[in-house]
Amino acid sequence: MKSKRSQHAIGQPRFDGTAIALEAALRRLELDTAISALLSDALTRVVNGTYGNCQRCSESIAPERLRALPWARLCVGCQEAVDQAEASE
């Protein structure tokens, strides 16, 4: 197995890019998995006829928001309220 470190010319350890590349790939996989789950949930709402409606106040979510975040479950106002409540906890 190849070492993740090699010795620099003056005796200082030097890390190769393997560990960093692996960490980046794992983070990307986690992000892709999370987005996939959000999109799957949005498709379920399409099938159920509730896509585009805020799950908190039942008002329509602005089309601009849905274009930017197709998986949005809350309108901007409700999302801001949730974010503020979470920030104050």
C-alpha atoms as a PDB file:
ATOM      1  CA  MET A   1       0.000   0.000   0.000  1.00  0.00           C
ATOM      2  CA  LYS A   2       1.347   3.397  -0.941  1.00  0.00           C
ATOM      3  CA  SER A   3       2.084   5.711   1.969  1.00  0.00           C
ATOM      4  CA  LYS A   4       0.076   8.896   2.194  1.00  0.00           C
ATOM      5  CA  ARG A   5       3.249  10.735   3.153  1.00  0.00           C
ATOM      6  CA  SER A   6       6.621  10.978   1.562  1.00  0.00           C
ATOM      7  CA  GLN A   7       9.713  12.611   2.991  1.00  0.00           C
ATOM      8  CA  HIS A   8      10.500  16.073   1.706  1.00  0.00           C
ATOM      9  CA  ALA A   9      14.128  16.692   0.788  1.00  0.00           C
ATOM     10  CA  ILE A  10      14.836  18.415   4.109  1.00  0.00           C
ATOM     11  CA  GLY A  11      13.145  15.728   6.215  1.00  0.00           C
ATOM     12  CA  GLN A  12       9.736  17.380   6.446  1.00  0.00           C
ATOM     13  CA  PRO A  13       6.748  15.112   5.745  1.00  0.00           C
ATOM     14  CA  ARG A  14       4.961  15.970   2.519  1.00  0.00           C
ATOM     15  CA  PHE A  15       1.415  14.773   1.921  1.00  0.00           C
ATOM     16  CA  ASP A  16       0.487  13.601  -1.524  1.00  0.00           C
ATOM     17  CA  GLY A  17      -2.927  14.475  -2.927  1.00  0.00           C
ATOM     18  CA  THR A  18      -4.470  11.038  -2.325  1.00  0.00           C
ATOM     19  CA  ALA A  19      -6.000  11.766   1.078  1.00  0.00           C
ATOM     20  CA  ILE A  20      -7.268  15.175  -0.018  1.00  0.00           C
ATOM     21  CA  ALA A  21      -8.764  13.789  -3.227  1.00  0.00           C
ATOM     22  CA  LEU A  22     -10.472  10.991  -1.306  1.00  0.00           C
ATOM     23  CA  GLU A  23     -11.951  13.434   1.200  1.00  0.00           C
ATOM     24  CA  ALA A  24     -13.225  15.653  -1.633  1.00  0.00           C
ATOM     25  CA  ALA A  25     -14.789  12.648  -3.387  1.00  0.00           C
ATOM     26  CA  LEU A  26     -16.530  11.547  -0.188  1.00  0.00           C
ATOM     27  CA  ARG A  27     -17.910  15.028   0.427  1.00  0.00           C
ATOM     28  CA  ARG A  28     -19.174  15.195  -3.163  1.00  0.00           C
ATOM     29  CA  LEU A  29     -20.860  11.814  -2.769  1.00  0.00           C
ATOM     30  CA  GLU A  30     -22.579  12.987   0.422  1.00  0.00           C
ATOM     31  CA  LEU A  31     -23.790  16.146  -1.338  1.00  0.00           C
ATOM     32  CA  ASP A  32     -25.029  14.204  -4.372  1.00  0.00           C
ATOM     33  CA  THR A  33     -26.888  11.772  -2.094  1.00  0.00           C
ATOM     34  CA  ALA A  34     -28.551  14.618  -0.194  1.00  0.00           C
ATOM     35  CA  ILE A  35     -29.625  16.392  -3.404  1.00  0.00           C
ATOM     36  CA  SER A  36     -30.949  13.111  -4.818  1.00  0.00           C
ATOM     37  CA  ALA A  37     -33.118  12.651  -1.716  1.00  0.00           C
ATOM     38  CA  LEU A  38     -34.424  16.219  -1.990  1.00  0.00           C
ATOM     39  CA  LEU A  39     -35.295  15.733  -5.663  1.00  0.00           C
ATOM     40  CA  SER A  40     -36.992  12.409  -4.947  1.00  0.00           C
ATOM     41  CA  ASP A  41     -39.114  14.137  -2.302  1.00  0.00           C
ATOM     42  CA  ALA A  42     -39.987  16.887  -4.817  1.00  0.00           C
ATOM     43  CA  LEU A  43     -41.041  14.296  -7.400  1.00  0.00           C
ATOM     44  CA  THR A  44     -43.284  12.661  -4.800  1.00  0.00           C
ATOM     45  CA  ARG A  45     -44.937  16.053  -4.249  1.00  0.00           C
ATOM     46  CA  VAL A  46     -45.434  16.377  -8.035  1.00  0.00           C
ATOM     47  CA  VAL A  47     -47.196  12.993  -8.098  1.00  0.00           C
ATOM     48  CA  ASN A  48     -49.294  13.942  -5.055  1.00  0.00           C
ATOM     49  CA  GLY A  49     -50.235  17.307  -6.576  1.00  0.00           C
ATOM     50  CA  THR A  50     -48.635  19.321  -3.769  1.00  0.00           C
ATOM     51  CA  TYR A  51     -45.464  20.468  -5.561  1.00  0.00           C
ATOM     52  CA  GLY A  52     -45.104  24.253  -5.461  1.00  0.00           C
ATOM     53  CA  ASN A  53     -47.187  24.675  -2.320  1.00  0.00           C
ATOM     54  CA  CYS A  54     -45.494  25.716   0.914  1.00  0.00           C
ATOM     55  CA  GLN A  55     -45.659  22.891   3.438  1.00  0.00           C
ATOM     56  CA  ARG A  56     -45.948  25.394   6.281  1.00  0.00           C
ATOM     57  CA  CYS A  57     -48.503  28.000   5.125  1.00  0.00           C
ATOM     58  CA  SER A  58     -49.938  26.233   2.014  1.00  0.00           C
ATOM     59  CA  GLU A  59     -49.385  29.322  -0.148  1.00  0.00           C
ATOM     60  CA  SER A  60     -47.765  28.970  -3.571  1.00  0.00           C
ATOM     61  CA  ILE A  61     -43.983  29.020  -3.695  1.00  0.00           C
ATOM     62  CA  ALA A  62     -42.697  31.671  -6.110  1.00  0.00           C
ATOM     63  CA  PRO A  63     -41.755  30.200  -9.514  1.00  0.00           C
ATOM     64  CA  GLU A  64     -38.387  31.974  -9.293  1.00  0.00           C
ATOM     65  CA  ARG A  65     -37.632  30.099  -6.063  1.00  0.00           C
ATOM     66  CA  LEU A  66     -38.626  26.776  -7.601  1.00  0.00           C
ATOM     67  CA  ARG A  67     -36.394  27.447 -10.608  1.00  0.00           C
ATOM     68  CA  ALA A  68     -33.473  28.148  -8.270  1.00  0.00           C
ATOM     69  CA  LEU A  69     -34.290  25.345  -5.794  1.00  0.00           C
ATOM     70  CA  PRO A  70     -36.597  22.781  -7.417  1.00  0.00           C
ATOM     71  CA  TRP A  71     -36.737  20.848  -4.136  1.00  0.00           C
ATOM     72  CA  ALA A  72     -37.935  23.856  -2.069  1.00  0.00           C
ATOM     73  CA  ARG A  73     -40.640  22.850   0.401  1.00  0.00           C
ATOM     74  CA  LEU A  74     -41.205  26.276   1.924  1.00  0.00           C
ATOM     75  CA  CYS A  75     -41.927  29.729   0.518  1.00  0.00           C
ATOM     76  CA  VAL A  76     -39.310  32.405   1.145  1.00  0.00           C
ATOM     77  CA  GLY A  77     -41.197  33.915   4.084  1.00  0.00           C
ATOM     78  CA  CYS A  78     -41.641  30.606   5.869  1.00  0.00           C
ATOM     79  CA  GLN A  79     -38.054  29.548   5.160  1.00  0.00           C
ATOM     80  CA  GLU A  80     -36.786  32.818   6.640  1.00  0.00           C
ATOM     81  CA  ALA A  81     -38.943  32.268   9.741  1.00  0.00           C
ATOM     82  CA  VAL A  82     -37.589  28.726  10.151  1.00  0.00           C
ATOM     83  CA  ASP A  83     -33.996  29.926   9.653  1.00  0.00           C
ATOM     84  CA  GLN A  84     -34.431  32.680  12.262  1.00  0.00           C
ATOM     85  CA  ALA A  85     -35.980  30.271  14.759  1.00  0.00           C
ATOM     86  CA  GLU A  86     -33.124  27.789  14.268  1.00  0.00           C
ATOM     87  CA  ALA A  87     -30.530  30.574  14.623  1.00  0.00           C
ATOM     88  CA  SER A  88     -31.999  31.695  17.957  1.00  0.00           C
ATOM     89  CA  GLU A  89     -31.882  28.190  19.452  1.00  0.00           C
END
